[in-house]
Full PDB file with SEQRES, HELIX, SHEET, SSBOND, CRYST1, ORIGX, SCALE, CONECT and MASTER records, all heavy atoms in Angstrom:
SEQRES   1 A   40  GLU GLY GLU VAL CYS ALA LEU ALA ALA SER ARG ILE ASP          
SEQRES   2 A   40  ASP SER GLN LEU GLU GLU LEU ALA SER LEU LEU ASN GLU          
SEQRES   3 A   40  MET ARG ASN GLU ASN GLU HIS ASP VAL MET ALA SER GLU          
SEQRES   4 A   40  ASP                                                          
HELIX    1 AA1 GLY A    2  ARG A   11  1                                  10    
HELIX    2 AA2 ASP A   14  GLU A   30  1                                  17    
HELIX    3 AA3 VAL A   35  GLU A   39  1                                   5    
CRYST1    1.000    1.000    1.000  90.00  90.00  90.00 P 1           1          
ORIGX1      1.000000  0.000000  0.000000        0.00000                         
ORIGX2      0.000000  1.000000  0.000000        0.00000                         
ORIGX3      0.000000  0.000000  1.000000        0.00000                         
SCALE1      1.000000  0.000000  0.000000        0.00000                         
SCALE2      0.000000  1.000000  0.000000        0.00000                         
SCALE3      0.000000  0.000000  1.000000        0.00000                         
ATOM      1  N   GLU A   1     -30.935  21.189  86.505  1.00  0.00           N  
ATOM      2  CA  GLU A   1     -29.936  22.214  86.189  1.00  0.00           C  
ATOM      3  C   GLU A   1     -28.699  21.625  85.509  1.00  0.00           C  
ATOM      4  O   GLU A   1     -27.978  22.339  84.808  1.00  0.00           O  
ATOM      5  CB  GLU A   1     -29.546  22.991  87.443  1.00  0.00           C  
ATOM      6  CG  GLU A   1     -30.664  23.893  87.957  1.00  0.00           C  
ATOM      7  CD  GLU A   1     -30.177  24.926  88.948  1.00  0.00           C  
ATOM      8  OE1 GLU A   1     -29.206  25.666  88.633  1.00  0.00           O  
ATOM      9  OE2 GLU A   1     -30.755  24.993  90.044  1.00  0.00           O  
ATOM     10  N   GLY A   2     -28.448  20.333  85.704  1.00  0.00           N  
ATOM     11  CA  GLY A   2     -27.362  19.700  84.967  1.00  0.00           C  
ATOM     12  C   GLY A   2     -27.618  19.760  83.471  1.00  0.00           C  
ATOM     13  O   GLY A   2     -26.735  20.131  82.677  1.00  0.00           O  
ATOM     14  N   GLU A   3     -28.843  19.434  83.050  1.00  0.00           N  
ATOM     15  CA  GLU A   3     -29.197  19.476  81.632  1.00  0.00           C  
ATOM     16  C   GLU A   3     -29.292  20.911  81.131  1.00  0.00           C  
ATOM     17  O   GLU A   3     -28.931  21.202  79.985  1.00  0.00           O  
ATOM     18  CB  GLU A   3     -30.518  18.740  81.403  1.00  0.00           C  
ATOM     19  CG  GLU A   3     -30.444  17.252  81.713  1.00  0.00           C  
ATOM     20  CD  GLU A   3     -29.286  16.571  81.001  1.00  0.00           C  
ATOM     21  OE1 GLU A   3     -29.119  16.792  79.768  1.00  0.00           O  
ATOM     22  OE2 GLU A   3     -28.550  15.822  81.663  1.00  0.00           O  
ATOM     23  N   VAL A   4     -29.773  21.806  81.974  1.00  0.00           N  
ATOM     24  CA  VAL A   4     -29.827  23.224  81.607  1.00  0.00           C  
ATOM     25  C   VAL A   4     -28.425  23.736  81.304  1.00  0.00           C  
ATOM     26  O   VAL A   4     -28.189  24.432  80.296  1.00  0.00           O  
ATOM     27  CB  VAL A   4     -30.470  24.047  82.747  1.00  0.00           C  
ATOM     28  CG1 VAL A   4     -30.262  25.544  82.526  1.00  0.00           C  
ATOM     29  CG2 VAL A   4     -31.962  23.738  82.854  1.00  0.00           C  
ATOM     30  N   CYS A   5     -27.485  23.381  82.158  1.00  0.00           N  
ATOM     31  CA  CYS A   5     -26.111  23.844  81.989  1.00  0.00           C  
ATOM     32  C   CYS A   5     -25.497  23.279  80.710  1.00  0.00           C  
ATOM     33  O   CYS A   5     -24.748  23.966  80.002  1.00  0.00           O  
ATOM     34  CB  CYS A   5     -25.293  23.437  83.210  1.00  0.00           C  
ATOM     35  SG  CYS A   5     -23.810  24.435  83.483  1.00  0.00           S  
ATOM     36  N   ALA A   6     -25.811  22.024  80.398  1.00  0.00           N  
ATOM     37  CA  ALA A   6     -25.297  21.410  79.171  1.00  0.00           C  
ATOM     38  C   ALA A   6     -25.798  22.149  77.932  1.00  0.00           C  
ATOM     39  O   ALA A   6     -25.025  22.424  76.997  1.00  0.00           O  
ATOM     40  CB  ALA A   6     -25.705  19.940  79.113  1.00  0.00           C  
ATOM     41  N   LEU A   7     -27.080  22.488  77.906  1.00  0.00           N  
ATOM     42  CA  LEU A   7     -27.628  23.217  76.757  1.00  0.00           C  
ATOM     43  C   LEU A   7     -27.064  24.631  76.691  1.00  0.00           C  
ATOM     44  O   LEU A   7     -26.747  25.138  75.606  1.00  0.00           O  
ATOM     45  CB  LEU A   7     -29.155  23.263  76.839  1.00  0.00           C  
ATOM     46  CG  LEU A   7     -29.870  23.962  75.682  1.00  0.00           C  
ATOM     47  CD1 LEU A   7     -29.527  23.291  74.344  1.00  0.00           C  
ATOM     48  CD2 LEU A   7     -31.378  23.972  75.904  1.00  0.00           C  
ATOM     49  N   ALA A   8     -26.914  25.252  77.852  1.00  0.00           N  
ATOM     50  CA  ALA A   8     -26.375  26.616  77.891  1.00  0.00           C  
ATOM     51  C   ALA A   8     -24.972  26.680  77.297  1.00  0.00           C  
ATOM     52  O   ALA A   8     -24.596  27.679  76.680  1.00  0.00           O  
ATOM     53  CB  ALA A   8     -26.361  27.130  79.326  1.00  0.00           C  
ATOM     54  N   ALA A   9     -24.204  25.611  77.467  1.00  0.00           N  
ATOM     55  CA  ALA A   9     -22.823  25.606  76.966  1.00  0.00           C  
ATOM     56  C   ALA A   9     -22.758  25.824  75.461  1.00  0.00           C  
ATOM     57  O   ALA A   9     -21.785  26.394  74.950  1.00  0.00           O  
ATOM     58  CB  ALA A   9     -22.145  24.287  77.341  1.00  0.00           C  
ATOM     59  N   SER A  10     -23.777  25.369  74.748  1.00  0.00           N  
ATOM     60  CA  SER A  10     -23.773  25.512  73.284  1.00  0.00           C  
ATOM     61  C   SER A  10     -24.409  26.814  72.807  1.00  0.00           C  
ATOM     62  O   SER A  10     -24.316  27.145  71.617  1.00  0.00           O  
ATOM     63  CB  SER A  10     -24.510  24.319  72.650  1.00  0.00           C  
ATOM     64  OG  SER A  10     -25.887  24.333  73.008  1.00  0.00           O  
ATOM     65  N   ARG A  11     -25.021  27.578  73.713  1.00  0.00           N  
ATOM     66  CA  ARG A  11     -25.764  28.770  73.288  1.00  0.00           C  
ATOM     67  C   ARG A  11     -25.337  30.064  73.983  1.00  0.00           C  
ATOM     68  O   ARG A  11     -25.737  31.146  73.568  1.00  0.00           O  
ATOM     69  CB  ARG A  11     -27.265  28.550  73.527  1.00  0.00           C  
ATOM     70  CG  ARG A  11     -27.837  27.391  72.716  1.00  0.00           C  
ATOM     71  CD  ARG A  11     -29.328  27.229  72.934  1.00  0.00           C  
ATOM     72  NE  ARG A  11     -29.868  26.147  72.108  1.00  0.00           N  
ATOM     73  CZ  ARG A  11     -31.141  25.783  72.097  1.00  0.00           C  
ATOM     74  NH1 ARG A  11     -32.034  26.409  72.874  1.00  0.00           N  
ATOM     75  NH2 ARG A  11     -31.556  24.803  71.303  1.00  0.00           N  
ATOM     76  N   ILE A  12     -24.548  29.938  75.033  1.00  0.00           N  
ATOM     77  CA  ILE A  12     -24.194  31.125  75.814  1.00  0.00           C  
ATOM     78  C   ILE A  12     -23.321  32.066  74.980  1.00  0.00           C  
ATOM     79  O   ILE A  12     -22.492  31.619  74.171  1.00  0.00           O  
ATOM     80  CB  ILE A  12     -23.483  30.710  77.118  1.00  0.00           C  
ATOM     81  CG1 ILE A  12     -23.478  31.862  78.122  1.00  0.00           C  
ATOM     82  CG2 ILE A  12     -22.079  30.163  76.855  1.00  0.00           C  
ATOM     83  CD1 ILE A  12     -23.126  31.420  79.532  1.00  0.00           C  
ATOM     84  N   ASP A  13     -23.505  33.376  75.157  1.00  0.00           N  
ATOM     85  CA  ASP A  13     -22.682  34.336  74.413  1.00  0.00           C  
ATOM     86  C   ASP A  13     -21.640  34.970  75.334  1.00  0.00           C  
ATOM     87  O   ASP A  13     -21.669  34.772  76.562  1.00  0.00           O  
ATOM     88  CB  ASP A  13     -23.548  35.413  73.739  1.00  0.00           C  
ATOM     89  CG  ASP A  13     -24.364  36.242  74.721  1.00  0.00           C  
ATOM     90  OD1 ASP A  13     -23.862  36.547  75.832  1.00  0.00           O  
ATOM     91  OD2 ASP A  13     -25.505  36.611  74.388  1.00  0.00           O  
ATOM     92  N   ASP A  14     -20.736  35.725  74.746  1.00  0.00           N  
ATOM     93  CA  ASP A  14     -19.612  36.276  75.502  1.00  0.00           C  
ATOM     94  C   ASP A  14     -20.066  37.241  76.595  1.00  0.00           C  
ATOM     95  O   ASP A  14     -19.477  37.274  77.685  1.00  0.00           O  
ATOM     96  CB  ASP A  14     -18.632  36.975  74.562  1.00  0.00           C  
ATOM     97  CG  ASP A  14     -17.870  35.998  73.680  1.00  0.00           C  
ATOM     98  OD1 ASP A  14     -17.857  34.800  74.012  1.00  0.00           O  
ATOM     99  OD2 ASP A  14     -17.304  36.434  72.650  1.00  0.00           O  
ATOM    100  N   SER A  15     -21.093  38.021  76.301  1.00  0.00           N  
ATOM    101  CA  SER A  15     -21.553  38.985  77.307  1.00  0.00           C  
ATOM    102  C   SER A  15     -22.128  38.265  78.528  1.00  0.00           C  
ATOM    103  O   SER A  15     -21.945  38.709  79.673  1.00  0.00           O  
ATOM    104  CB  SER A  15     -22.599  39.928  76.704  1.00  0.00           C  
ATOM    105  OG  SER A  15     -23.777  39.224  76.339  1.00  0.00           O  
ATOM    106  N   GLN A  16     -22.809  37.152  78.311  1.00  0.00           N  
ATOM    107  CA  GLN A  16     -23.346  36.377  79.433  1.00  0.00           C  
ATOM    108  C   GLN A  16     -22.219  35.720  80.231  1.00  0.00           C  
ATOM    109  O   GLN A  16     -22.283  35.640  81.458  1.00  0.00           O  
ATOM    110  CB  GLN A  16     -24.324  35.322  78.917  1.00  0.00           C  
ATOM    111  CG  GLN A  16     -25.628  35.919  78.400  1.00  0.00           C  
ATOM    112  CD  GLN A  16     -26.497  34.898  77.688  1.00  0.00           C  
ATOM    113  OE1 GLN A  16     -25.998  34.029  76.960  1.00  0.00           O  
ATOM    114  NE2 GLN A  16     -27.807  35.001  77.888  1.00  0.00           N  
ATOM    115  N   LEU A  17     -21.177  35.277  79.552  1.00  0.00           N  
ATOM    116  CA  LEU A  17     -20.018  34.713  80.247  1.00  0.00           C  
ATOM    117  C   LEU A  17     -19.364  35.760  81.140  1.00  0.00           C  
ATOM    118  O   LEU A  17     -18.964  35.463  82.278  1.00  0.00           O  
ATOM    119  CB  LEU A  17     -19.006  34.171  79.235  1.00  0.00           C  
ATOM    120  CG  LEU A  17     -19.406  32.871  78.532  1.00  0.00           C  
ATOM    121  CD1 LEU A  17     -18.461  32.589  77.369  1.00  0.00           C  
ATOM    122  CD2 LEU A  17     -19.405  31.695  79.510  1.00  0.00           C  
ATOM    123  N   GLU A  18     -19.259  36.976  80.637  1.00  0.00           N  
ATOM    124  CA  GLU A  18     -18.667  38.042  81.448  1.00  0.00           C  
ATOM    125  C   GLU A  18     -19.552  38.389  82.640  1.00  0.00           C  
ATOM    126  O   GLU A  18     -19.064  38.688  83.734  1.00  0.00           O  
ATOM    127  CB  GLU A  18     -18.413  39.284  80.584  1.00  0.00           C  
ATOM    128  CG  GLU A  18     -17.317  39.096  79.541  1.00  0.00           C  
ATOM    129  CD  GLU A  18     -16.056  38.513  80.151  1.00  0.00           C  
ATOM    130  OE1 GLU A  18     -15.556  39.089  81.151  1.00  0.00           O  
ATOM    131  OE2 GLU A  18     -15.575  37.473  79.655  1.00  0.00           O  
ATOM    132  N   GLU A  19     -20.863  38.330  82.424  1.00  0.00           N  
ATOM    133  CA  GLU A  19     -21.785  38.606  83.529  1.00  0.00           C  
ATOM    134  C   GLU A  19     -21.684  37.512  84.594  1.00  0.00           C  
ATOM    135  O   GLU A  19     -21.743  37.798  85.804  1.00  0.00           O  
ATOM    136  CB  GLU A  19     -23.211  38.710  83.012  1.00  0.00           C  
ATOM    137  CG  GLU A  19     -24.198  39.219  84.066  1.00  0.00           C  
ATOM    138  CD  GLU A  19     -25.584  39.457  83.515  1.00  0.00           C  
ATOM    139  OE1 GLU A  19     -25.769  39.423  82.279  1.00  0.00           O  
ATOM    140  OE2 GLU A  19     -26.509  39.676  84.337  1.00  0.00           O  
ATOM    141  N   LEU A  20     -21.516  36.267  84.153  1.00  0.00           N  
ATOM    142  CA  LEU A  20     -21.322  35.174  85.109  1.00  0.00           C  
ATOM    143  C   LEU A  20     -20.036  35.381  85.907  1.00  0.00           C  
ATOM    144  O   LEU A  20     -19.999  35.139  87.125  1.00  0.00           O  
ATOM    145  CB  LEU A  20     -21.266  33.828  84.387  1.00  0.00           C  
ATOM    146  CG  LEU A  20     -22.584  33.262  83.860  1.00  0.00           C  
ATOM    147  CD1 LEU A  20     -22.324  31.980  83.061  1.00  0.00           C  
ATOM    148  CD2 LEU A  20     -23.558  32.982  84.999  1.00  0.00           C  
ATOM    149  N   ALA A  21     -18.979  35.832  85.238  1.00  0.00           N  
ATOM    150  CA  ALA A  21     -17.712  36.102  85.929  1.00  0.00           C  
ATOM    151  C   ALA A  21     -17.896  37.205  86.960  1.00  0.00           C  
ATOM    152  O   ALA A  21     -17.336  37.143  88.065  1.00  0.00           O  
ATOM    153  CB  ALA A  21     -16.635  36.486  84.917  1.00  0.00           C  
ATOM    154  N   SER A  22     -18.695  38.216  86.612  1.00  0.00           N  
ATOM    155  CA  SER A  22     -18.961  39.307  87.543  1.00  0.00           C  
ATOM    156  C   SER A  22     -19.744  38.810  88.763  1.00  0.00           C  
ATOM    157  O   SER A  22     -19.459  39.193  89.908  1.00  0.00           O  
ATOM    158  CB  SER A  22     -19.745  40.417  86.829  1.00  0.00           C  
ATOM    159  OG  SER A  22     -20.081  41.460  87.719  1.00  0.00           O  
ATOM    160  N   LEU A  23     -20.720  37.939  88.524  1.00  0.00           N  
ATOM    161  CA  LEU A  23     -21.492  37.383  89.635  1.00  0.00           C  
ATOM    162  C   LEU A  23     -20.620  36.501  90.515  1.00  0.00           C  
ATOM    163  O   LEU A  23     -20.785  36.464  91.739  1.00  0.00           O  
ATOM    164  CB  LEU A  23     -22.678  36.582  89.094  1.00  0.00           C  
ATOM    165  CG  LEU A  23     -23.819  37.409  88.509  1.00  0.00           C  
ATOM    166  CD1 LEU A  23     -24.813  36.509  87.780  1.00  0.00           C  
ATOM    167  CD2 LEU A  23     -24.521  38.197  89.605  1.00  0.00           C  
ATOM    168  N   LEU A  24     -19.685  35.801  89.905  1.00  0.00           N  
ATOM    169  CA  LEU A  24     -18.756  34.976  90.665  1.00  0.00           C  
ATOM    170  C   LEU A  24     -17.898  35.840  91.585  1.00  0.00           C  
ATOM    171  O   LEU A  24     -17.686  35.518  92.765  1.00  0.00           O  
ATOM    172  CB  LEU A  24     -17.865  34.179  89.707  1.00  0.00           C  
ATOM    173  CG  LEU A  24     -16.898  33.174  90.314  1.00  0.00           C  
ATOM    174  CD1 LEU A  24     -17.620  32.142  91.174  1.00  0.00           C  
ATOM    175  CD2 LEU A  24     -16.105  32.480  89.211  1.00  0.00           C  
ATOM    176  N   ASN A  25     -17.430  36.972  91.077  1.00  0.00           N  
ATOM    177  CA  ASN A  25     -16.664  37.898  91.907  1.00  0.00           C  
ATOM    178  C   ASN A  25     -17.522  38.483  93.021  1.00  0.00           C  
ATOM    179  O   ASN A  25     -17.046  38.682  94.149  1.00  0.00           O  
ATOM    180  CB  ASN A  25     -16.096  39.027  91.043  1.00  0.00           C  
ATOM    181  CG  ASN A  25     -14.922  38.575  90.198  1.00  0.00           C  
ATOM    182  OD1 ASN A  25     -14.181  37.678  90.598  1.00  0.00           O  
ATOM    183  ND2 ASN A  25     -14.747  39.185  89.040  1.00  0.00           N  
ATOM    184  N   GLU A  26     -18.793  38.736  92.711  1.00  0.00           N  
ATOM    185  CA  GLU A  26     -19.708  39.260  93.727  1.00  0.00           C  
ATOM    186  C   GLU A  26     -19.893  38.244  94.847  1.00  0.00           C  
ATOM    187  O   GLU A  26     -19.875  38.591  96.031  1.00  0.00           O  
ATOM    188  CB  GLU A  26     -21.057  39.597  93.087  1.00  0.00           C  
ATOM    189  CG  GLU A  26     -22.042  40.261  94.039  1.00  0.00           C  
ATOM    190  CD  GLU A  26     -23.345  40.649  93.362  1.00  0.00           C  
ATOM    191  OE1 GLU A  26     -23.367  40.752  92.116  1.00  0.00           O  
ATOM    192  OE2 GLU A  26     -24.346  40.833  94.084  1.00  0.00           O  
ATOM    193  N   MET A  27     -20.045  36.959  94.475  1.00  0.00           N  
ATOM    194  CA  MET A  27     -20.156  35.908  95.487  1.00  0.00           C  
ATOM    195  C   MET A  27     -18.908  35.864  96.359  1.00  0.00           C  
ATOM    196  O   MET A  27     -18.981  35.757  97.579  1.00  0.00           O  
ATOM    197  CB  MET A  27     -20.362  34.541  94.817  1.00  0.00           C  
ATOM    198  CG  MET A  27     -21.795  34.174  94.530  1.00  0.00           C  
ATOM    199  SD  MET A  27     -21.910  32.462  93.921  1.00  0.00           S  
ATOM    200  CE  MET A  27     -21.761  32.733  92.166  1.00  0.00           C  
ATOM    201  N   ARG A  28     -17.762  35.928  95.705  1.00  0.00           N  
ATOM    202  CA  ARG A  28     -16.484  35.860  96.430  1.00  0.00           C  
ATOM    203  C   ARG A  28     -16.370  37.011  97.438  1.00  0.00           C  
ATOM    204  O   ARG A  28     -15.996  36.797  98.601  1.00  0.00           O  
ATOM    205  CB  ARG A  28     -15.324  35.909  95.446  1.00  0.00           C  
ATOM    206  CG  ARG A  28     -13.951  35.791  96.103  1.00  0.00           C  
ATOM    207  CD  ARG A  28     -12.838  35.916  95.092  1.00  0.00           C  
ATOM    208  NE  ARG A  28     -12.785  34.765  94.188  1.00  0.00           N  
ATOM    209  CZ  ARG A  28     -13.132  34.784  92.905  1.00  0.00           C  
ATOM    210  NH1 ARG A  28     -13.592  35.909  92.359  1.00  0.00           N  
ATOM    211  NH2 ARG A  28     -13.048  33.701  92.162  1.00  0.00           N  
ATOM    212  N   ASN A  29     -16.710  38.203  97.005  1.00  0.00           N  
ATOM    213  CA  ASN A  29     -16.609  39.374  97.884  1.00  0.00           C  
ATOM    214  C   ASN A  29     -17.634  39.340  99.004  1.00  0.00           C  
ATOM    215  O   ASN A  29     -17.318  39.628 100.170  1.00  0.00           O  
ATOM    216  CB  ASN A  29     -16.775  40.662  97.067  1.00  0.00           C  
ATOM    217  CG  ASN A  29     -15.634  40.880  96.083  1.00  0.00           C  
ATOM    218  OD1 ASN A  29     -14.510  40.423  96.320  1.00  0.00           O  
ATOM    219  ND2 ASN A  29     -15.900  41.572  94.989  1.00  0.00           N  
ATOM    220  N   GLU A  30     -18.878  38.982  98.670  1.00  0.00           N  
ATOM    221  CA  GLU A  30     -19.939  38.998  99.673  1.00  0.00           C  
ATOM    222  C   GLU A  30     -19.799  37.858 100.682  1.00  0.00           C  
ATOM    223  O   GLU A  30     -20.316  37.948 101.791  1.00  0.00           O  
ATOM    224  CB  GLU A  30     -21.319  38.930  99.003  1.00  0.00           C  
ATOM    225  CG  GLU A  30     -21.686  40.163  98.194  1.00  0.00           C  
ATOM    226  CD  GLU A  30     -21.794  41.421  99.051  1.00  0.00           C  
ATOM    227  OE1 GLU A  30     -21.721  41.343 100.290  1.00  0.00           O  
ATOM    228  OE2 GLU A  30     -21.955  42.506  98.458  1.00  0.00           O  
ATOM    229  N   ASN A  31     -19.096  36.781 100.315  1.00  0.00           N  
ATOM    230  CA  ASN A  31     -18.852  35.709 101.282  1.00  0.00           C  
ATOM    231  C   ASN A  31     -18.130  36.224 102.516  1.00  0.00           C  
ATOM    232  O   ASN A  31     -18.261  35.662 103.611  1.00  0.00           O  
ATOM    233  CB  ASN A  31     -18.021  34.590 100.638  1.00  0.00           C  
ATOM    234  CG  ASN A  31     -18.885  33.535  99.976  1.00  0.00           C  
ATOM    235  OD1 ASN A  31     -20.100  33.528 100.126  1.00  0.00           O  
ATOM    236  ND2 ASN A  31     -18.256  32.634  99.235  1.00  0.00           N  
ATOM    237  N   GLU A  32     -17.373  37.285 102.353  1.00  0.00           N  
ATOM    238  CA  GLU A  32     -16.621  37.855 103.473  1.00  0.00           C  
ATOM    239  C   GLU A  32     -17.433  38.872 104.262  1.00  0.00           C  
ATOM    240  O   GLU A  32     -17.021  39.273 105.355  1.00  0.00           O  
ATOM    241  CB  GLU A  32     -15.345  38.535 102.947  1.00  0.00           C  
ATOM    242  CG  GLU A  32     -14.438  37.605 102.150  1.00  0.00           C  
ATOM    243  CD  GLU A  32     -13.983  36.414 102.964  1.00  0.00           C  
ATOM    244  OE1 GLU A  32     -13.691  36.594 104.172  1.00  0.00           O  
ATOM    245  OE2 GLU A  32     -13.926  35.297 102.409  1.00  0.00           O  
ATOM    246  N   HIS A  33     -18.558  39.311 103.725  1.00  0.00           N  
ATOM    247  CA  HIS A  33     -19.304  40.403 104.371  1.00  0.00           C  
ATOM    248  C   HIS A  33     -20.771  40.066 104.657  1.00  0.00           C  
ATOM    249  O   HIS A  33     -21.262  40.336 105.750  1.00  0.00           O  
ATOM    250  CB  HIS A  33     -19.238  41.658 103.480  1.00  0.00           C  
ATOM    251  CG  HIS A  33     -17.850  42.079 103.112  1.00  0.00           C  
ATOM    252  ND1 HIS A  33     -16.977  42.624 104.015  1.00  0.00           N  
ATOM    253  CD2 HIS A  33     -17.179  42.000 101.938  1.00  0.00           C  
ATOM    254  CE1 HIS A  33     -15.818  42.888 103.423  1.00  0.00           C  
ATOM    255  NE2 HIS A  33     -15.909  42.518 102.161  1.00  0.00           N  
ATOM    256  N   ASP A  34     -21.456  39.515 103.664  1.00  0.00           N  
ATOM    257  CA  ASP A  34     -22.902  39.316 103.783  1.00  0.00           C  
ATOM    258  C   ASP A  34     -23.273  38.036 103.031  1.00  0.00           C  
ATOM    259  O   ASP A  34     -23.428  38.046 101.808  1.00  0.00           O  
ATOM    260  CB  ASP A  34     -23.646  40.521 103.197  1.00  0.00           C  
ATOM    261  CG  ASP A  34     -25.149  40.461 103.401  1.00  0.00           C  
ATOM    262  OD1 ASP A  34     -25.660  39.364 103.693  1.00  0.00           O  
ATOM    263  OD2 ASP A  34     -25.812  41.502 103.256  1.00  0.00           O  
ATOM    264  N   VAL A  35     -23.420  36.936 103.748  1.00  0.00           N  
ATOM    265  CA  VAL A  35     -23.669  35.646 103.108  1.00  0.00           C  
ATOM    266  C   VAL A  35     -24.996  35.640 102.365  1.00  0.00           C  
ATOM    267  O   VAL A  35     -25.120  35.040 101.296  1.00  0.00           O  
ATOM    268  CB  VAL A  35     -23.627  34.501 104.141  1.00  0.00           C  
ATOM    269  CG1 VAL A  35     -24.000  33.177 103.495  1.00  0.00           C  
ATOM    270  CG2 VAL A  35     -22.252  34.406 104.761  1.00  0.00           C  
ATOM    271  N   MET A  36     -25.998  36.319 102.891  1.00  0.00           N  
ATOM    272  CA  MET A  36     -27.286  36.352 102.201  1.00  0.00           C  
ATOM    273  C   MET A  36     -27.177  37.073 100.861  1.00  0.00           C  
ATOM    274  O   MET A  36     -27.819  36.681  99.887  1.00  0.00           O  
ATOM    275  CB  MET A  36     -28.345  37.004 103.097  1.00  0.00           C  
ATOM    276  CG  MET A  36     -28.671  36.164 104.323  1.00  0.00           C  
ATOM    277  SD  MET A  36     -30.092  36.757 105.276  1.00  0.00           S  
ATOM    278  CE  MET A  36     -31.433  36.349 104.174  1.00  0.00           C  
ATOM    279  N   ALA A  37     -26.331  38.121 100.800  1.00  0.00           N  
ATOM    280  CA  ALA A  37     -26.092  38.801  99.529  1.00  0.00           C  
ATOM    281  C   ALA A  37     -25.359  37.877  98.571  1.00  0.00           C  
ATOM    282  O   ALA A  37     -25.610  37.873  97.361  1.00  0.00           O  
ATOM    283  CB  ALA A  37     -25.292  40.080  99.759  1.00  0.00           C  
ATOM    284  N   SER A  38     -24.450  37.070  99.105  1.00  0.00           N  
ATOM    285  CA  SER A  38     -23.742  36.090  98.280  1.00  0.00           C  
ATOM    286  C   SER A  38     -24.705  35.045  97.735  1.00  0.00           C  
ATOM    287  O   SER A  38     -24.608  34.636  96.572  1.00  0.00           O  
ATOM    288  CB  SER A  38     -22.635  35.417  99.099  1.00  0.00           C  
ATOM    289  OG  SER A  38     -21.947  34.461  98.327  1.00  0.00           O  
ATOM    290  N   GLU A  39     -25.647  34.624  98.563  1.00  0.00           N  
ATOM    291  CA  GLU A  39     -26.638  33.645  98.124  1.00  0.00           C  
ATOM    292  C   GLU A  39     -27.535  34.226  97.035  1.00  0.00           C  
ATOM    293  O   GLU A  39     -27.958  33.510  96.117  1.00  0.00           O  
ATOM    294  CB  GLU A  39     -27.477  33.173  99.308  1.00  0.00           C  
ATOM    295  CG  GLU A  39     -26.690  32.310 100.298  1.00  0.00           C  
ATOM    296  CD  GLU A  39     -27.482  31.969 101.542  1.00  0.00           C  
ATOM    297  OE1 GLU A  39     -28.638  32.437 101.666  1.00  0.00           O  
ATOM    298  OE2 GLU A  39     -26.957  31.229 102.394  1.00  0.00           O  
ATOM    299  N   ASP A  40     -27.812  35.526  97.108  1.00  0.00           N  
ATOM    300  CA  ASP A  40     -28.602  36.181  96.064  1.00  0.00           C  
ATOM    301  C   ASP A  40     -27.831  36.190  94.746  1.00  0.00           C  
ATOM    302  O   ASP A  40     -28.404  35.932  93.676  1.00  0.00           O  
ATOM    303  CB  ASP A  40     -28.948  37.609  96.483  1.00  0.00           C  
ATOM    304  CG  ASP A  40     -29.751  38.333  95.415  1.00  0.00           C  
ATOM    305  OD1 ASP A  40     -30.912  37.948  95.183  1.00  0.00           O  
ATOM    306  OD2 ASP A  40     -29.207  39.288  94.803  1.00  0.00           O  
TER     307      ASP A  40                                                      
MASTER        0    0    0    3    0    0    0    6  306    1    0    4          
END                                                                             
């Protein structure tokens, strides 16, 4: 995944970056309520 992430850096688009930000917020919120949902 280290190499995957390196390649992704040169190819990722703005919509995928925003989706990653949304998933990050989901992790943050679910950490307080449902850890298994956060892990998903």
